[in-house]
Amino acid sequence: MAIRIFITGGTFDKEYNELNGQLYFKDTHLSDLLEMGRNKVPVEIRTLMMIDSLEMTAEDRELIVHQCNQCDETKIVITHGTDTMAETAKIIAQKKINKTIILTGAMIPIKFGSSDGLFNLGSALAFAQSLPVGVYVAMNGRYFNWDNVRKNRQTGVFEEIK
């Protein structure tokens, strides 16, 4: 069975406006990334939203939970903004969905060329295939249980809490 990929936005898919210096959303880059990474894992992609995770509402998170519950696939990767990724992971985990769900993102937009997003996406796809049922965050080549992860804003990496 394919891995379901849900796109929610975040730095992963941001573009840079050269005129005003702002980051914004246009289209997802996920298909390009999968092609660039020479992905051979069957995937089903669905864009749920294209927003910065700091702007994500409770309703947005409920939509993510609903889609995870309703899809046929038992292995799910969610591209998500890094600022509130752990919060969304917690909400999904509290719903006790009997699937393997991996949230991942990027600290640097894909369009910048030196992004960690391609590596994080590949890691998330591998973790989705190998980890047991549960909710995880995959960043920097590591996976973290949903209840033992935070973004360290000083170092720019994800780390265990305990």
Protein backbone atom coordinates (compact mmCIF):
# COMPACT_ATOMS: atom_id res chain seq x y z
CA MET A 1 0.00 0.00 0.00
CA ALA A 2 1.12 3.55 -0.71
CA ILE A 3 2.25 6.05 1.89
CA ARG A 4 -0.17 8.95 2.23
CA ILE A 5 1.50 12.37 2.24
CA PHE A 6 -0.49 15.30 3.58
CA ILE A 7 0.83 18.78 2.83
CA THR A 8 0.06 21.57 5.29
CA GLY A 9 2.59 24.23 4.25
CA GLY A 10 5.36 25.44 6.53
CA THR A 11 8.83 26.52 5.52
CA PHE A 12 8.98 23.40 3.35
CA ASP A 13 6.88 25.05 0.65
CA LYS A 14 7.65 28.75 1.08
CA GLU A 15 8.82 30.90 -1.81
CA TYR A 16 10.92 34.06 -1.59
CA ASN A 17 9.65 37.34 -3.04
CA GLU A 18 12.75 39.10 -4.33
CA LEU A 19 10.96 42.45 -4.51
CA ASN A 20 9.88 42.76 -0.89
CA GLY A 21 11.93 40.06 0.83
CA GLN A 22 8.82 38.26 2.12
CA LEU A 23 8.27 34.53 2.22
CA TYR A 24 4.96 33.33 0.77
CA PHE A 25 3.14 30.24 -0.50
CA LYS A 26 2.46 29.51 -4.15
CA ASP A 27 2.46 25.76 -4.91
CA THR A 28 3.82 22.75 -3.12
CA HIS A 29 7.23 21.48 -4.22
CA LEU A 30 6.60 17.94 -3.03
CA SER A 31 6.35 16.23 -6.42
CA ASP A 32 9.61 17.88 -7.52
CA LEU A 33 11.31 16.75 -4.31
CA LEU A 34 10.17 13.17 -4.73
CA GLU A 35 11.47 13.21 -8.29
CA MET A 36 14.76 14.85 -7.27
CA GLY A 37 15.20 12.23 -4.54
CA ARG A 38 14.44 9.46 -7.06
CA ASN A 39 11.67 8.17 -4.80
CA LYS A 40 10.41 4.70 -5.72
CA VAL A 41 7.99 4.33 -2.80
CA PRO A 42 4.35 4.55 -3.92
CA VAL A 43 2.76 7.70 -2.48
CA GLU A 44 -0.62 9.39 -2.53
CA ILE A 45 -0.34 13.16 -2.08
CA ARG A 46 -3.02 15.54 -0.85
CA THR A 47 -2.67 19.22 -0.02
CA LEU A 48 -4.74 20.07 3.05
CA MET A 49 -3.58 23.67 3.44
CA MET A 50 -0.63 25.92 2.67
CA ILE A 51 -0.03 27.96 5.82
CA ASP A 52 2.68 28.87 8.27
CA SER A 53 2.30 26.62 11.32
CA LEU A 54 2.22 29.68 13.60
CA GLU A 55 -1.08 30.55 11.89
CA MET A 56 -2.52 27.04 12.26
CA THR A 57 -5.82 26.93 14.15
CA ALA A 58 -7.54 24.23 16.17
CA GLU A 59 -9.84 23.70 13.18
CA ASP A 60 -6.83 23.19 10.90
CA ARG A 61 -5.48 20.55 13.27
CA GLU A 62 -8.87 18.85 13.44
CA LEU A 63 -8.85 18.68 9.63
CA ILE A 64 -5.43 16.99 9.75
CA VAL A 65 -6.69 14.49 12.36
CA HIS A 66 -9.84 13.82 10.32
CA GLN A 67 -7.84 13.20 7.14
CA CYS A 68 -5.46 10.84 8.97
CA ASN A 69 -8.46 8.93 10.32
CA GLN A 70 -10.29 8.76 7.01
CA CYS A 71 -7.54 7.82 4.55
CA ASP A 72 -7.12 4.17 3.63
CA GLU A 73 -3.36 4.23 4.06
CA THR A 74 -1.86 3.09 7.37
CA LYS A 75 1.42 4.95 6.88
CA ILE A 76 1.24 8.74 6.72
CA VAL A 77 3.79 11.54 6.30
CA ILE A 78 2.70 15.10 7.06
CA THR A 79 4.76 18.07 5.88
CA HIS A 80 4.35 20.74 8.52
CA GLY A 81 5.88 23.98 9.76
CA THR A 82 8.51 23.38 12.42
CA ASP A 83 7.32 25.98 14.94
CA THR A 84 4.20 24.05 16.02
CA MET A 85 4.97 20.57 14.69
CA ALA A 86 5.20 19.05 18.19
CA GLU A 87 1.83 20.59 19.12
CA THR A 88 0.12 19.04 16.09
CA ALA A 89 1.81 15.69 16.79
CA LYS A 90 0.41 15.77 20.33
CA ILE A 91 -3.14 16.44 19.11
CA ILE A 92 -2.93 13.62 16.56
CA ALA A 93 -1.51 11.22 19.17
CA GLN A 94 -4.32 12.01 21.62
CA LYS A 95 -6.81 10.69 19.04
CA LYS A 96 -5.15 7.25 19.15
CA ILE A 97 -5.27 6.62 15.40
CA ASN A 98 -4.02 3.11 14.66
CA LYS A 99 -1.52 4.20 11.99
CA THR A 100 2.13 5.20 11.69
CA ILE A 101 2.17 8.99 11.33
CA ILE A 102 5.35 10.99 10.76
CA LEU A 103 5.47 14.79 10.81
CA THR A 104 8.41 16.46 9.07
CA GLY A 105 9.41 19.85 7.80
CA ALA A 106 12.29 22.11 6.88
CA MET A 107 14.20 24.86 8.61
CA ILE A 108 15.15 26.41 5.25
CA PRO A 109 12.74 26.72 2.28
CA ILE A 110 13.29 24.21 -0.53
CA LYS A 111 13.56 27.08 -3.01
CA PHE A 112 16.71 28.35 -1.24
CA GLY A 113 18.65 25.39 -2.65
CA SER A 114 20.45 24.46 0.58
CA SER A 115 17.35 23.22 2.39
CA ASP A 116 17.20 20.31 4.78
CA GLY A 117 13.73 19.51 3.44
CA LEU A 118 14.74 16.86 0.90
CA PHE A 119 16.72 14.95 3.53
CA ASN A 120 13.90 15.26 6.09
CA LEU A 121 11.30 14.08 3.57
CA GLY A 122 13.41 11.03 2.65
CA SER A 123 13.94 10.24 6.32
CA ALA A 124 10.21 10.56 7.03
CA LEU A 125 9.34 8.17 4.20
CA ALA A 126 11.86 5.63 5.52
CA PHE A 127 10.64 6.00 9.11
CA ALA A 128 7.01 5.60 7.98
CA GLN A 129 7.93 2.23 6.51
CA SER A 130 9.90 0.99 9.49
CA LEU A 131 8.39 2.36 12.71
CA PRO A 132 5.45 0.77 14.52
CA VAL A 133 2.03 2.39 14.87
CA GLY A 134 2.37 5.75 16.60
CA VAL A 135 3.01 9.45 16.03
CA TYR A 136 6.53 10.71 15.43
CA VAL A 137 8.49 13.78 14.36
CA ALA A 138 11.31 13.22 11.83
CA MET A 139 13.93 15.95 11.56
CA ASN A 140 17.70 16.07 11.09
CA GLY A 141 17.95 12.35 10.30
CA ARG A 142 16.36 11.38 13.61
CA TYR A 143 12.89 10.40 14.71
CA PHE A 144 11.30 11.41 17.98
CA ASN A 145 8.24 10.13 19.79
CA TRP A 146 5.51 12.76 19.78
CA ASP A 147 5.71 13.24 23.55
CA ASN A 148 9.48 13.60 23.73
CA VAL A 149 10.43 16.30 21.23
CA ARG A 150 10.85 20.04 20.98
CA LYS A 151 12.35 22.50 18.57
CA ASN A 152 15.39 24.16 20.13
CA ARG A 153 15.06 27.73 18.89
CA GLN A 154 18.65 28.59 19.84
CA THR A 155 20.30 25.78 17.87
CA GLY A 156 17.64 25.33 15.16
CA VAL A 157 17.41 21.57 15.64
CA PHE A 158 14.89 19.21 17.16
CA GLU A 159 15.84 17.43 20.36
CA GLU A 160 14.49 15.09 23.00
CA ILE A 161 12.86 16.73 26.01
CA LYS A 162 13.85 14.06 28.55
